[in-house]
Amino acid sequence: MRSPGPTTRVERACLARLTEMDAALARMQLELPDDARPLGEEARRKVKVWLSRLGEGGADLGALTSDLEQIGGLMDALTARLLLVPWDGHPTPPGRPS
């Protein structure tokens, strides 16, 4: 028997937002330097847990709110790492000064 899935408008909205977050994290992960990859993996793991819970329906949205704060903090840290802190992400072509 198939699980009921998200049944309320709020559950469906949360599921849609988490799906967007997972896609954003997947794109972000391609650009992350090695030192930030564990943060990206942790954020995606948390998102996937909630995607699964909401996909089954009847998830505790109060607990989701708490976890979304943590996920948001991880995403903020990843964004800062990508945008605000320089790193040697792209090698200098041979013959060009670094």
PDB file of N, CA and C in Angstrom:
ATOM      1  N   MET A   1       0.841  -1.188   0.000  1.00  0.00           N
ATOM      2  CA  MET A   1       0.000   0.000   0.000  1.00  0.00           C
ATOM      3  C   MET A   1       0.882   1.245   0.000  1.00  0.00           C
ATOM      4  N   ARG A   2       0.561   2.202  -0.812  1.00  0.00           N
ATOM      5  CA  ARG A   2       1.324   3.433  -0.952  1.00  0.00           C
ATOM      6  C   ARG A   2       1.040   4.359   0.220  1.00  0.00           C
ATOM      7  N   SER A   3       2.107   5.045   0.696  1.00  0.00           N
ATOM      8  CA  SER A   3       1.913   5.992   1.797  1.00  0.00           C
ATOM      9  C   SER A   3       1.121   7.197   1.303  1.00  0.00           C
ATOM     10  N   PRO A   4       0.439   7.885   2.210  1.00  0.00           N
ATOM     11  CA  PRO A   4      -0.432   8.974   1.791  1.00  0.00           C
ATOM     12  C   PRO A   4       0.307  10.195   1.247  1.00  0.00           C
ATOM     13  N   GLY A   5       1.554  10.394   1.614  1.00  0.00           N
ATOM     14  CA  GLY A   5       2.296  11.566   1.171  1.00  0.00           C
ATOM     15  C   GLY A   5       1.819  12.801   1.910  1.00  0.00           C
ATOM     16  N   PRO A   6       2.342  13.961   1.520  1.00  0.00           N
ATOM     17  CA  PRO A   6       1.942  15.188   2.206  1.00  0.00           C
ATOM     18  C   PRO A   6       0.455  15.453   1.982  1.00  0.00           C
ATOM     19  N   THR A   7      -0.238  15.757   3.061  1.00  0.00           N
ATOM     20  CA  THR A   7      -1.689  15.900   2.960  1.00  0.00           C
ATOM     21  C   THR A   7      -2.161  17.337   3.111  1.00  0.00           C
ATOM     22  N   THR A   8      -1.385  18.179   3.736  1.00  0.00           N
ATOM     23  CA  THR A   8      -1.820  19.559   3.943  1.00  0.00           C
ATOM     24  C   THR A   8      -1.077  20.498   3.006  1.00  0.00           C
ATOM     25  N   ARG A   9      -1.640  21.677   2.844  1.00  0.00           N
ATOM     26  CA  ARG A   9      -1.008  22.710   2.022  1.00  0.00           C
ATOM     27  C   ARG A   9       0.366  23.064   2.595  1.00  0.00           C
ATOM     28  N   VAL A  10       0.474  23.132   3.909  1.00  0.00           N
ATOM     29  CA  VAL A  10       1.743  23.464   4.555  1.00  0.00           C
ATOM     30  C   VAL A  10       2.777  22.369   4.291  1.00  0.00           C
ATOM     31  N   GLU A  11       2.392  21.112   4.409  1.00  0.00           N
ATOM     32  CA  GLU A  11       3.322  20.012   4.129  1.00  0.00           C
ATOM     33  C   GLU A  11       3.801  20.056   2.673  1.00  0.00           C
ATOM     34  N   ARG A  12       2.871  20.326   1.766  1.00  0.00           N
ATOM     35  CA  ARG A  12       3.252  20.401   0.346  1.00  0.00           C
ATOM     36  C   ARG A  12       4.194  21.575   0.095  1.00  0.00           C
ATOM     37  N   ALA A  13       3.941  22.701   0.747  1.00  0.00           N
ATOM     38  CA  ALA A  13       4.817  23.871   0.596  1.00  0.00           C
ATOM     39  C   ALA A  13       6.207  23.581   1.167  1.00  0.00           C
ATOM     40  N   CYS A  14       6.252  22.917   2.299  1.00  0.00           N
ATOM     41  CA  CYS A  14       7.542  22.549   2.896  1.00  0.00           C
ATOM     42  C   CYS A  14       8.296  21.573   1.993  1.00  0.00           C
ATOM     43  N   LEU A  15       7.583  20.624   1.442  1.00  0.00           N
ATOM     44  CA  LEU A  15       8.203  19.657   0.533  1.00  0.00           C
ATOM     45  C   LEU A  15       8.781  20.365  -0.693  1.00  0.00           C
ATOM     46  N   ALA A  16       8.035  21.312  -1.238  1.00  0.00           N
ATOM     47  CA  ALA A  16       8.515  22.065  -2.401  1.00  0.00           C
ATOM     48  C   ALA A  16       9.760  22.873  -2.045  1.00  0.00           C
ATOM     49  N   ARG A  17       9.752  23.515  -0.889  1.00  0.00           N
ATOM     50  CA  ARG A  17      10.911  24.324  -0.464  1.00  0.00           C
ATOM     51  C   ARG A  17      12.124  23.445  -0.230  1.00  0.00           C
ATOM     52  N   LEU A  18      11.934  22.306   0.408  1.00  0.00           N
ATOM     53  CA  LEU A  18      13.057  21.391   0.644  1.00  0.00           C
ATOM     54  C   LEU A  18      13.614  20.853  -0.671  1.00  0.00           C
ATOM     55  N   THR A  19      12.752  20.613  -1.634  1.00  0.00           N
ATOM     56  CA  THR A  19      13.206  20.161  -2.950  1.00  0.00           C
ATOM     57  C   THR A  19      14.071  21.239  -3.595  1.00  0.00           C
ATOM     58  N   GLU A  20      13.655  22.500  -3.486  1.00  0.00           N
ATOM     59  CA  GLU A  20      14.453  23.617  -3.993  1.00  0.00           C
ATOM     60  C   GLU A  20      15.797  23.703  -3.275  1.00  0.00           C
ATOM     61  N   MET A  21      15.785  23.520  -1.946  1.00  0.00           N
ATOM     62  CA  MET A  21      17.024  23.573  -1.174  1.00  0.00           C
ATOM     63  C   MET A  21      17.974  22.460  -1.599  1.00  0.00           C
ATOM     64  N   ASP A  22      17.438  21.268  -1.815  1.00  0.00           N
ATOM     65  CA  ASP A  22      18.285  20.151  -2.217  1.00  0.00           C
ATOM     66  C   ASP A  22      18.924  20.431  -3.577  1.00  0.00           C
ATOM     67  N   ALA A  23      18.153  20.979  -4.506  1.00  0.00           N
ATOM     68  CA  ALA A  23      18.694  21.304  -5.827  1.00  0.00           C
ATOM     69  C   ALA A  23      19.767  22.387  -5.718  1.00  0.00           C
ATOM     70  N   ALA A  24      19.533  23.390  -4.887  1.00  0.00           N
ATOM     71  CA  ALA A  24      20.526  24.454  -4.695  1.00  0.00           C
ATOM     72  C   ALA A  24      21.808  23.896  -4.077  1.00  0.00           C
ATOM     73  N   LEU A  25      21.655  23.029  -3.097  1.00  0.00           N
ATOM     74  CA  LEU A  25      22.832  22.419  -2.464  1.00  0.00           C
ATOM     75  C   LEU A  25      23.590  21.532  -3.443  1.00  0.00           C
ATOM     76  N   ALA A  26      22.878  20.832  -4.298  1.00  0.00           N
ATOM     77  CA  ALA A  26      23.537  19.984  -5.300  1.00  0.00           C
ATOM     78  C   ALA A  26      24.378  20.837  -6.249  1.00  0.00           C
ATOM     79  N   ARG A  27      23.823  21.969  -6.695  1.00  0.00           N
ATOM     80  CA  ARG A  27      24.580  22.872  -7.573  1.00  0.00           C
ATOM     81  C   ARG A  27      25.763  23.478  -6.831  1.00  0.00           C
ATOM     82  N   MET A  28      25.534  23.871  -5.586  1.00  0.00           N
ATOM     83  CA  MET A  28      26.571  24.489  -4.781  1.00  0.00           C
ATOM     84  C   MET A  28      27.724  23.521  -4.537  1.00  0.00           C
ATOM     85  N   GLN A  29      27.389  22.270  -4.308  1.00  0.00           N
ATOM     86  CA  GLN A  29      28.390  21.266  -3.969  1.00  0.00           C
ATOM     87  C   GLN A  29      29.427  21.095  -5.081  1.00  0.00           C
ATOM     88  N   LEU A  30      29.035  21.340  -6.328  1.00  0.00           N
ATOM     89  CA  LEU A  30      29.968  21.228  -7.442  1.00  0.00           C
ATOM     90  C   LEU A  30      31.081  22.261  -7.358  1.00  0.00           C
ATOM     91  N   GLU A  31      30.824  23.376  -6.689  1.00  0.00           N
ATOM     92  CA  GLU A  31      31.780  24.479  -6.614  1.00  0.00           C
ATOM     93  C   GLU A  31      32.523  24.550  -5.283  1.00  0.00           C
ATOM     94  N   LEU A  32      32.122  23.741  -4.327  1.00  0.00           N
ATOM     95  CA  LEU A  32      32.711  23.856  -2.994  1.00  0.00           C
ATOM     96  C   LEU A  32      34.168  23.400  -2.969  1.00  0.00           C
ATOM     97  N   PRO A  33      35.006  24.163  -2.287  1.00  0.00           N
ATOM     98  CA  PRO A  33      36.370  23.695  -2.062  1.00  0.00           C
ATOM     99  C   PRO A  33      36.337  22.522  -1.071  1.00  0.00           C
ATOM    100  N   ASP A  34      37.399  21.753  -1.057  1.00  0.00           N
ATOM    101  CA  ASP A  34      37.450  20.542  -0.232  1.00  0.00           C
ATOM    102  C   ASP A  34      37.115  20.794   1.232  1.00  0.00           C
ATOM    103  N   ASP A  35      37.563  21.919   1.781  1.00  0.00           N
ATOM    104  CA  ASP A  35      37.335  22.157   3.210  1.00  0.00           C
ATOM    105  C   ASP A  35      35.864  22.412   3.544  1.00  0.00           C
ATOM    106  N   ALA A  36      35.063  22.758   2.561  1.00  0.00           N
ATOM    107  CA  ALA A  36      33.651  23.044   2.813  1.00  0.00           C
ATOM    108  C   ALA A  36      32.727  21.893   2.416  1.00  0.00           C
ATOM    109  N   ARG A  37      33.257  20.878   1.762  1.00  0.00           N
ATOM    110  CA  ARG A  37      32.407  19.764   1.312  1.00  0.00           C
ATOM    111  C   ARG A  37      31.659  19.064   2.452  1.00  0.00           C
ATOM    112  N   PRO A  38      32.288  18.849   3.615  1.00  0.00           N
ATOM    113  CA  PRO A  38      31.534  18.197   4.698  1.00  0.00           C
ATOM    114  C   PRO A  38      30.288  18.995   5.123  1.00  0.00           C
ATOM    115  N   LEU A  39      30.376  20.324   5.108  1.00  0.00           N
ATOM    116  CA  LEU A  39      29.198  21.134   5.435  1.00  0.00           C
ATOM    117  C   LEU A  39      28.092  20.924   4.403  1.00  0.00           C
ATOM    118  N   GLY A  40      28.476  20.880   3.141  1.00  0.00           N
ATOM    119  CA  GLY A  40      27.502  20.646   2.079  1.00  0.00           C
ATOM    120  C   GLY A  40      26.845  19.283   2.204  1.00  0.00           C
ATOM    121  N   GLU A  41      27.652  18.280   2.524  1.00  0.00           N
ATOM    122  CA  GLU A  41      27.120  16.930   2.691  1.00  0.00           C
ATOM    123  C   GLU A  41      26.166  16.854   3.875  1.00  0.00           C
ATOM    124  N   GLU A  42      26.512  17.534   4.967  1.00  0.00           N
ATOM    125  CA  GLU A  42      25.651  17.542   6.153  1.00  0.00           C
ATOM    126  C   GLU A  42      24.320  18.233   5.848  1.00  0.00           C
ATOM    127  N   ALA A  43      24.373  19.357   5.163  1.00  0.00           N
ATOM    128  CA  ALA A  43      23.142  20.070   4.811  1.00  0.00           C
ATOM    129  C   ALA A  43      22.262  19.202   3.917  1.00  0.00           C
ATOM    130  N   ARG A  44      22.847  18.568   2.909  1.00  0.00           N
ATOM    131  CA  ARG A  44      22.050  17.715   2.017  1.00  0.00           C
ATOM    132  C   ARG A  44      21.472  16.517   2.758  1.00  0.00           C
ATOM    133  N   ARG A  45      22.234  15.950   3.683  1.00  0.00           N
ATOM    134  CA  ARG A  45      21.736  14.814   4.458  1.00  0.00           C
ATOM    135  C   ARG A  45      20.489  15.225   5.242  1.00  0.00           C
ATOM    136  N   LYS A  46      20.560  16.392   5.910  1.00  0.00           N
ATOM    137  CA  LYS A  46      19.412  16.868   6.690  1.00  0.00           C
ATOM    138  C   LYS A  46      18.203  17.139   5.783  1.00  0.00           C
ATOM    139  N   VAL A  47      18.445  17.723   4.633  1.00  0.00           N
ATOM    140  CA  VAL A  47      17.347  18.000   3.697  1.00  0.00           C
ATOM    141  C   VAL A  47      16.718  16.693   3.233  1.00  0.00           C
ATOM    142  N   LYS A  48      17.532  15.713   2.899  1.00  0.00           N
ATOM    143  CA  LYS A  48      17.007  14.432   2.414  1.00  0.00           C
ATOM    144  C   LYS A  48      16.187  13.709   3.485  1.00  0.00           C
ATOM    145  N   VAL A  49      16.606  13.821   4.743  1.00  0.00           N
ATOM    146  CA  VAL A  49      15.825  13.218   5.835  1.00  0.00           C
ATOM    147  C   VAL A  49      14.416  13.813   5.842  1.00  0.00           C
ATOM    148  N   TRP A  50      14.329  15.139   5.716  1.00  0.00           N
ATOM    149  CA  TRP A  50      13.023  15.778   5.759  1.00  0.00           C
ATOM    150  C   TRP A  50      12.229  15.559   4.483  1.00  0.00           C
ATOM    151  N   LEU A  51      12.906  15.466   3.352  1.00  0.00           N
ATOM    152  CA  LEU A  51      12.192  15.121   2.123  1.00  0.00           C
ATOM    153  C   LEU A  51      11.515  13.763   2.277  1.00  0.00           C
ATOM    154  N   SER A  52      12.219  12.831   2.887  1.00  0.00           N
ATOM    155  CA  SER A  52      11.664  11.500   3.105  1.00  0.00           C
ATOM    156  C   SER A  52      10.487  11.548   4.085  1.00  0.00           C
ATOM    157  N   ARG A  53      10.676  12.242   5.205  1.00  0.00           N
ATOM    158  CA  ARG A  53       9.613  12.319   6.212  1.00  0.00           C
ATOM    159  C   ARG A  53       8.357  12.977   5.659  1.00  0.00           C
ATOM    160  N   LEU A  54       8.541  14.089   4.954  1.00  0.00           N
ATOM    161  CA  LEU A  54       7.383  14.782   4.397  1.00  0.00           C
ATOM    162  C   LEU A  54       6.748  13.987   3.266  1.00  0.00           C
ATOM    163  N   GLY A  55       7.569  13.274   2.522  1.00  0.00           N
ATOM    164  CA  GLY A  55       7.049  12.446   1.448  1.00  0.00           C
ATOM    165  C   GLY A  55       6.139  11.344   1.951  1.00  0.00           C
ATOM    166  N   GLU A  56       6.381  10.917   3.174  1.00  0.00           N
ATOM    167  CA  GLU A  56       5.540   9.880   3.786  1.00  0.00           C
ATOM    168  C   GLU A  56       4.264  10.458   4.375  1.00  0.00           C
ATOM    169  N   GLY A  57       4.262  11.760   4.650  1.00  0.00           N
ATOM    170  CA  GLY A  57       3.092  12.415   5.234  1.00  0.00           C
ATOM    171  C   GLY A  57       3.091  12.354   6.745  1.00  0.00           C
ATOM    172  N   GLY A  58       2.436  13.315   7.362  1.00  0.00           N
ATOM    173  CA  GLY A  58       2.274  13.338   8.809  1.00  0.00           C
ATOM    174  C   GLY A  58       3.519  13.680   9.595  1.00  0.00           C
ATOM    175  N   ALA A  59       4.473  14.374   8.984  1.00  0.00           N
ATOM    176  CA  ALA A  59       5.716  14.727   9.684  1.00  0.00           C
ATOM    177  C   ALA A  59       5.453  15.804  10.736  1.00  0.00           C
ATOM    178  N   ASP A  60       6.295  15.829  11.760  1.00  0.00           N
ATOM    179  CA  ASP A  60       6.220  16.830  12.823  1.00  0.00           C
ATOM    180  C   ASP A  60       6.814  18.140  12.303  1.00  0.00           C
ATOM    181  N   LEU A  61       5.961  19.075  11.932  1.00  0.00           N
ATOM    182  CA  LEU A  61       6.433  20.329  11.351  1.00  0.00           C
ATOM    183  C   LEU A  61       7.151  21.211  12.362  1.00  0.00           C
ATOM    184  N   GLY A  62       6.892  21.019  13.642  1.00  0.00           N
ATOM    185  CA  GLY A  62       7.630  21.754  14.672  1.00  0.00           C
ATOM    186  C   GLY A  62       9.102  21.362  14.668  1.00  0.00           C
ATOM    187  N   ALA A  63       9.368  20.070  14.542  1.00  0.00           N
ATOM    188  CA  ALA A  63      10.748  19.597  14.463  1.00  0.00           C
ATOM    189  C   ALA A  63      11.404  20.064  13.164  1.00  0.00           C
ATOM    190  N   LEU A  64      10.620  20.123  12.095  1.00  0.00           N
ATOM    191  CA  LEU A  64      11.140  20.609  10.817  1.00  0.00           C
ATOM    192  C   LEU A  64      11.603  22.052  10.955  1.00  0.00           C
ATOM    193  N   THR A  65      10.828  22.869  11.642  1.00  0.00           N
ATOM    194  CA  THR A  65      11.194  24.276  11.831  1.00  0.00           C
ATOM    195  C   THR A  65      12.559  24.394  12.488  1.00  0.00           C
ATOM    196  N   SER A  66      12.786  23.614  13.514  1.00  0.00           N
ATOM    197  CA  SER A  66      14.078  23.626  14.200  1.00  0.00           C
ATOM    198  C   SER A  66      15.210  23.198  13.268  1.00  0.00           C
ATOM    199  N   ASP A  67      14.995  22.131  12.535  1.00  0.00           N
ATOM    200  CA  ASP A  67      16.030  21.646  11.619  1.00  0.00           C
ATOM    201  C   ASP A  67      16.264  22.610  10.462  1.00  0.00           C
ATOM    202  N   LEU A  68      15.205  23.299  10.015  1.00  0.00           N
ATOM    203  CA  LEU A  68      15.377  24.275   8.941  1.00  0.00           C
ATOM    204  C   LEU A  68      16.280  25.429   9.374  1.00  0.00           C
ATOM    205  N   GLU A  69      16.225  25.789  10.644  1.00  0.00           N
ATOM    206  CA  GLU A  69      17.142  26.813  11.155  1.00  0.00           C
ATOM    207  C   GLU A  69      18.587  26.333  11.027  1.00  0.00           C
ATOM    208  N   GLN A  70      18.832  25.078  11.367  1.00  0.00           N
ATOM    209  CA  GLN A  70      20.185  24.518  11.249  1.00  0.00           C
ATOM    210  C   GLN A  70      20.608  24.424   9.784  1.00  0.00           C
ATOM    211  N   ILE A  71      19.714  23.954   8.925  1.00  0.00           N
ATOM    212  CA  ILE A  71      20.009  23.834   7.500  1.00  0.00           C
ATOM    213  C   ILE A  71      20.289  25.219   6.916  1.00  0.00           C
ATOM    214  N   GLY A  72      19.488  26.197   7.298  1.00  0.00           N
ATOM    215  CA  GLY A  72      19.697  27.573   6.834  1.00  0.00           C
ATOM    216  C   GLY A  72      21.056  28.103   7.255  1.00  0.00           C
ATOM    217  N   GLY A  73      21.463  27.791   8.470  1.00  0.00           N
ATOM    218  CA  GLY A  73      22.781  28.206   8.946  1.00  0.00           C
ATOM    219  C   GLY A  73      23.905  27.560   8.145  1.00  0.00           C
ATOM    220  N   LEU A  74      23.740  26.273   7.825  1.00  0.00           N
ATOM    221  CA  LEU A  74      24.727  25.587   6.997  1.00  0.00           C
ATOM    222  C   LEU A  74      24.793  26.204   5.601  1.00  0.00           C
ATOM    223  N   MET A  75      23.631  26.500   5.047  1.00  0.00           N
ATOM    224  CA  MET A  75      23.599  27.104   3.709  1.00  0.00           C
ATOM    225  C   MET A  75      24.228  28.496   3.725  1.00  0.00           C
ATOM    226  N   ASP A  76      23.999  29.253   4.783  1.00  0.00           N
ATOM    227  CA  ASP A  76      24.632  30.571   4.905  1.00  0.00           C
ATOM    228  C   ASP A  76      26.150  30.442   4.956  1.00  0.00           C
ATOM    229  N   ALA A  77      26.632  29.474   5.725  1.00  0.00           N
ATOM    230  CA  ALA A  77      28.082  29.262   5.820  1.00  0.00           C
ATOM    231  C   ALA A  77      28.664  28.839   4.469  1.00  0.00           C
ATOM    232  N   LEU A  78      27.958  27.981   3.758  1.00  0.00           N
ATOM    233  CA  LEU A  78      28.434  27.542   2.446  1.00  0.00           C
ATOM    234  C   LEU A  78      28.445  28.700   1.448  1.00  0.00           C
ATOM    235  N   THR A  79      27.400  29.506   1.476  1.00  0.00           N
ATOM    236  CA  THR A  79      27.334  30.654   0.578  1.00  0.00           C
ATOM    237  C   THR A  79      28.475  31.620   0.875  1.00  0.00           C
ATOM    238  N   ALA A  80      28.710  31.872   2.148  1.00  0.00           N
ATOM    239  CA  ALA A  80      29.813  32.757   2.521  1.00  0.00           C
ATOM    240  C   ALA A  80      31.141  32.184   2.043  1.00  0.00           C
ATOM    241  N   ARG A  81      31.313  30.888   2.183  1.00  0.00           N
ATOM    242  CA  ARG A  81      32.556  30.249   1.747  1.00  0.00           C
ATOM    243  C   ARG A  81      32.735  30.384   0.249  1.00  0.00           C
ATOM    244  N   LEU A  82      31.667  30.244  -0.491  1.00  0.00           N
ATOM    245  CA  LEU A  82      31.746  30.354  -1.952  1.00  0.00           C
ATOM    246  C   LEU A  82      31.946  31.793  -2.419  1.00  0.00           C
ATOM    247  N   LEU A  83      31.259  32.733  -1.793  1.00  0.00           N
ATOM    248  CA  LEU A  83      31.224  34.094  -2.310  1.00  0.00           C
ATOM    249  C   LEU A  83      32.179  35.079  -1.635  1.00  0.00           C
ATOM    250  N   LEU A  84      32.452  34.872  -0.382  1.00  0.00           N
ATOM    251  CA  LEU A  84      33.172  35.897   0.371  1.00  0.00           C
ATOM    252  C   LEU A  84      34.614  35.564   0.702  1.00  0.00           C
ATOM    253  N   VAL A  85      34.971  34.302   0.698  1.00  0.00           N
ATOM    254  CA  VAL A  85      36.318  33.907   1.093  1.00  0.00           C
ATOM    255  C   VAL A  85      37.045  33.359  -0.122  1.00  0.00           C
ATOM    256  N   PRO A  86      38.120  34.019  -0.559  1.00  0.00           N
ATOM    257  CA  PRO A  86      38.838  33.519  -1.739  1.00  0.00           C
ATOM    258  C   PRO A  86      39.528  32.191  -1.455  1.00  0.00           C
ATOM    259  N   TRP A  87      39.643  31.391  -2.482  1.00  0.00           N
ATOM    260  CA  TRP A  87      40.377  30.134  -2.390  1.00  0.00           C
ATOM    261  C   TRP A  87      41.040  29.872  -3.735  1.00  0.00           C
ATOM    262  N   ASP A  88      41.983  28.956  -3.779  1.00  0.00           N
ATOM    263  CA  ASP A  88      42.678  28.613  -5.009  1.00  0.00           C
ATOM    264  C   ASP A  88      41.891  27.543  -5.750  1.00  0.00           C
ATOM    265  N   GLY A  89      40.697  27.873  -6.168  1.00  0.00           N
ATOM    266  CA  GLY A  89      39.814  26.897  -6.776  1.00  0.00           C
ATOM    267  C   GLY A  89      40.117  26.579  -8.217  1.00  0.00           C
ATOM    268  N   HIS A  90      40.696  27.515  -8.948  1.00  0.00           N
ATOM    269  CA  HIS A  90      40.959  27.290 -10.367  1.00  0.00           C
ATOM    270  C   HIS A  90      42.456  27.426 -10.616  1.00  0.00           C
ATOM    271  N   PRO A  91      43.077  26.398 -11.165  1.00  0.00           N
ATOM    272  CA  PRO A  91      44.513  26.466 -11.405  1.00  0.00           C
ATOM    273  C   PRO A  91      44.866  27.528 -12.438  1.00  0.00           C
ATOM    274  N   THR A  92      46.012  28.123 -12.255  1.00  0.00           N
ATOM    275  CA  THR A  92      46.504  29.110 -13.210  1.00  0.00           C
ATOM    276  C   THR A  92      47.057  28.363 -14.423  1.00  0.00           C
ATOM    277  N   PRO A  93      46.650  28.749 -15.622  1.00  0.00           N
ATOM    278  CA  PRO A  93      47.180  28.081 -16.817  1.00  0.00           C
ATOM    279  C   PRO A  93      48.703  28.243 -16.886  1.00  0.00           C
ATOM    280  N   PRO A  94      49.403  27.235 -17.446  1.00  0.00           N
ATOM    281  CA  PRO A  94      50.858  27.338 -17.563  1.00  0.00           C
ATOM    282  C   PRO A  94      51.257  28.586 -18.353  1.00  0.00           C
ATOM    283  N   GLY A  95      52.314  29.223 -17.901  1.00  0.00           N
ATOM    284  CA  GLY A  95      52.817  30.405 -18.587  1.00  0.00           C
ATOM    285  C   GLY A  95      52.162  31.700 -18.164  1.00  0.00           C
ATOM    286  N   ARG A  96      51.133  31.646 -17.319  1.00  0.00           N
ATOM    287  CA  ARG A  96      50.478  32.863 -16.842  1.00  0.00           C
ATOM    288  C   ARG A  96      50.875  33.113 -15.407  1.00  0.00           C
ATOM    289  N   PRO A  97      51.140  34.346 -15.059  1.00  0.00           N
ATOM    290  CA  PRO A  97      51.498  34.635 -13.656  1.00  0.00           C
ATOM    291  C   PRO A  97      50.310  34.364 -12.725  1.00  0.00           C
ATOM    292  N   SER A  98      50.614  33.887 -11.516  1.00  0.00           N
ATOM    293  CA  SER A  98      49.538  33.602 -10.570  1.00  0.00           C
ATOM    294  C   SER A  98      49.137  34.814  -9.792  1.00  0.00           C
TER     295      SER A  98
END
